[in-house]
Amino acid sequence: MAQSKDGGSLTPRVAEALQRLHAHELSGVVRYLHYAHMIMGSNRIPIVAWLKDQANEAMDHAWKIGEKMTAHGLHPEMRVHPIVETGKHSVLDVLAEALEYERAGLEEYKATLKLVLADRPDDPALEDWVRGFVSAETEHLEDAAKMLRAM
């Protein structure tokens, strides 16, 4: 287990969950930037702005996760999950893919929260930190779903 400066440690399961989340968020940066480049048409400007915001949010999440990992003596890997290029770049297709990506991310964060609760029951700070991501990812999922309903 990686030892933190305060003497605490993360279990291998929590450490690997953080690695997966870090890779998921780095993958999100690539995904959302690609989508932003591919949007065309009269609604391009607001959709591209939203996609760029999502890329920035993914980068911010990856940064925060990496910072938490290094605080616990871990080494964030330069891992990006494979991203399937569907070749579908209509606004509806891009938003549907974004919705699936956000759903997968939310499930990863919920799974990490369960691990933290099981493996680090006396670490409310880590629990609250992960809950913050669950909340943010829930909002992203809701935003993507609303955008699909409105079109």
Protein backbone atom coordinates (compact mmCIF):
# COMPACT_ATOMS: atom_id res chain seq x y z
CA MET A 1 0.00 0.00 0.00
CA ALA A 2 1.13 3.54 -0.71
CA GLN A 3 1.84 5.41 2.51
CA SER A 4 0.75 9.01 2.87
CA LYS A 5 2.74 11.60 4.82
CA ASP A 6 0.19 11.46 7.66
CA GLY A 7 0.78 7.73 8.13
CA GLY A 8 -2.46 6.68 6.42
CA SER A 9 -2.51 4.40 3.44
CA LEU A 10 -4.67 3.65 0.46
CA THR A 11 -5.55 0.07 -0.24
CA PRO A 12 -4.53 -1.33 -3.61
CA ARG A 13 -8.23 -1.37 -4.59
CA VAL A 14 -8.66 2.35 -3.90
CA ALA A 15 -5.34 3.16 -5.57
CA GLU A 16 -6.37 1.30 -8.74
CA ALA A 17 -9.79 2.97 -8.68
CA LEU A 18 -8.08 6.36 -8.63
CA GLN A 19 -5.87 5.26 -11.56
CA ARG A 20 -9.01 4.25 -13.50
CA LEU A 21 -10.71 7.57 -12.74
CA HIS A 22 -7.59 9.50 -13.74
CA ALA A 23 -7.47 7.65 -17.08
CA HIS A 24 -11.22 8.14 -17.57
CA GLU A 25 -10.94 11.89 -17.10
CA LEU A 26 -7.85 12.17 -19.35
CA SER A 27 -9.81 10.25 -21.97
CA GLY A 28 -12.64 12.75 -21.55
CA VAL A 29 -10.34 15.61 -22.49
CA VAL A 30 -9.47 13.87 -25.75
CA ARG A 31 -13.07 12.85 -26.40
CA TYR A 32 -14.61 16.29 -25.84
CA LEU A 33 -11.96 18.15 -27.82
CA HIS A 34 -12.50 15.79 -30.74
CA TYR A 35 -16.25 16.28 -30.56
CA ALA A 36 -15.82 20.07 -30.43
CA HIS A 37 -13.76 20.00 -33.63
CA MET A 38 -16.32 17.88 -35.45
CA ILE A 39 -19.49 19.88 -34.78
CA MET A 40 -20.73 21.82 -37.79
CA GLY A 41 -23.89 23.75 -38.58
CA SER A 42 -25.91 26.66 -37.31
CA ASN A 43 -25.88 25.51 -33.66
CA ARG A 44 -22.11 25.02 -33.67
CA ILE A 45 -21.05 27.88 -31.39
CA PRO A 46 -23.05 26.99 -28.24
CA ILE A 47 -22.48 23.24 -28.65
CA VAL A 48 -18.73 23.70 -29.18
CA ALA A 49 -18.58 25.99 -26.14
CA TRP A 50 -20.30 23.33 -24.02
CA LEU A 51 -17.96 20.61 -25.31
CA LYS A 52 -14.89 22.73 -24.59
CA ASP A 53 -16.24 23.36 -21.08
CA GLN A 54 -16.59 19.60 -20.64
CA ALA A 55 -12.98 19.10 -21.80
CA ASN A 56 -11.81 21.69 -19.27
CA GLU A 57 -13.86 20.04 -16.53
CA ALA A 58 -12.36 16.63 -17.37
CA MET A 59 -8.88 18.14 -17.24
CA ASP A 60 -9.68 19.73 -13.87
CA HIS A 61 -10.95 16.39 -12.54
CA ALA A 62 -7.85 14.58 -13.82
CA TRP A 63 -5.69 17.22 -12.12
CA LYS A 64 -7.49 16.85 -8.79
CA ILE A 65 -7.32 13.06 -8.91
CA GLY A 66 -3.61 13.18 -9.76
CA GLU A 67 -3.00 15.57 -6.89
CA LYS A 68 -4.83 13.25 -4.48
CA MET A 69 -2.83 10.30 -5.76
CA THR A 70 0.52 12.03 -5.32
CA ALA A 71 -0.54 13.17 -1.85
CA HIS A 72 -0.79 9.47 -1.01
CA GLY A 73 2.53 8.58 -2.59
CA LEU A 74 1.03 7.17 -5.80
CA HIS A 75 2.16 7.80 -9.37
CA PRO A 76 -0.65 8.85 -11.76
CA GLU A 77 -0.09 6.96 -14.97
CA MET A 78 -0.29 8.54 -18.43
CA ARG A 79 -3.10 6.19 -19.34
CA VAL A 80 -5.96 7.04 -21.69
CA HIS A 81 -8.77 4.58 -22.29
CA PRO A 82 -9.30 3.60 -25.91
CA ILE A 83 -11.87 5.86 -27.53
CA VAL A 84 -13.86 4.35 -30.37
CA GLU A 85 -14.16 6.64 -33.37
CA THR A 86 -17.72 6.03 -34.52
CA GLY A 87 -17.51 8.46 -37.41
CA LYS A 88 -20.85 9.86 -36.30
CA HIS A 89 -20.55 13.58 -35.73
CA SER A 90 -24.06 14.97 -35.79
CA VAL A 91 -24.95 16.95 -32.70
CA LEU A 92 -27.37 14.22 -31.58
CA ASP A 93 -24.79 11.46 -32.07
CA VAL A 94 -22.10 13.40 -30.22
CA LEU A 95 -24.44 14.18 -27.33
CA ALA A 96 -25.54 10.54 -27.14
CA GLU A 97 -21.90 9.42 -26.97
CA ALA A 98 -21.19 12.09 -24.35
CA LEU A 99 -24.14 10.82 -22.32
CA GLU A 100 -22.74 7.27 -22.37
CA TYR A 101 -19.29 8.54 -21.36
CA GLU A 102 -20.79 10.50 -18.45
CA ARG A 103 -22.83 7.46 -17.35
CA ALA A 104 -19.69 5.33 -17.31
CA GLY A 105 -17.83 7.98 -15.33
CA LEU A 106 -20.59 8.29 -12.77
CA GLU A 107 -20.59 4.52 -12.27
CA GLU A 108 -16.78 4.57 -11.75
CA TYR A 109 -17.08 7.33 -9.15
CA LYS A 110 -19.90 5.50 -7.34
CA ALA A 111 -17.82 2.31 -7.31
CA THR A 112 -14.86 4.27 -5.92
CA LEU A 113 -17.08 5.73 -3.20
CA LYS A 114 -18.13 2.20 -2.19
CA LEU A 115 -14.47 1.17 -2.02
CA VAL A 116 -13.58 4.19 0.11
CA LEU A 117 -16.47 3.48 2.47
CA ALA A 118 -15.39 -0.16 2.79
CA ASP A 119 -11.60 0.29 2.87
CA ARG A 120 -11.27 3.69 4.60
CA PRO A 121 -14.32 3.98 6.89
CA ASP A 122 -12.53 6.45 9.17
CA ASP A 123 -11.58 8.85 6.38
CA PRO A 124 -14.50 11.27 5.99
CA ALA A 125 -12.33 13.72 4.05
CA LEU A 126 -11.64 11.17 1.29
CA GLU A 127 -15.30 10.14 1.34
CA ASP A 128 -16.45 13.76 0.93
CA TRP A 129 -13.88 14.32 -1.80
CA VAL A 130 -15.24 11.39 -3.84
CA ARG A 131 -18.85 12.42 -3.13
CA GLY A 132 -18.05 15.80 -4.69
CA PHE A 133 -17.14 14.04 -7.93
CA VAL A 134 -20.31 11.93 -7.77
CA SER A 135 -22.30 15.15 -7.50
CA ALA A 136 -20.44 16.84 -10.37
CA GLU A 137 -20.75 13.81 -12.65
CA THR A 138 -24.46 13.54 -11.86
CA GLU A 139 -24.88 17.15 -12.99
CA HIS A 140 -22.95 16.44 -16.22
CA LEU A 141 -25.16 13.45 -16.91
CA GLU A 142 -28.29 15.51 -16.31
CA ASP A 143 -27.02 18.30 -18.60
CA ALA A 144 -26.25 15.87 -21.44
CA ALA A 145 -29.64 14.17 -21.04
CA LYS A 146 -31.47 17.52 -21.11
CA MET A 147 -29.62 18.56 -24.25
CA LEU A 148 -30.75 15.37 -25.99
CA ARG A 149 -34.36 15.88 -24.92
CA ALA A 150 -34.41 19.46 -26.18
CA MET A 151 -33.38 18.54 -29.73
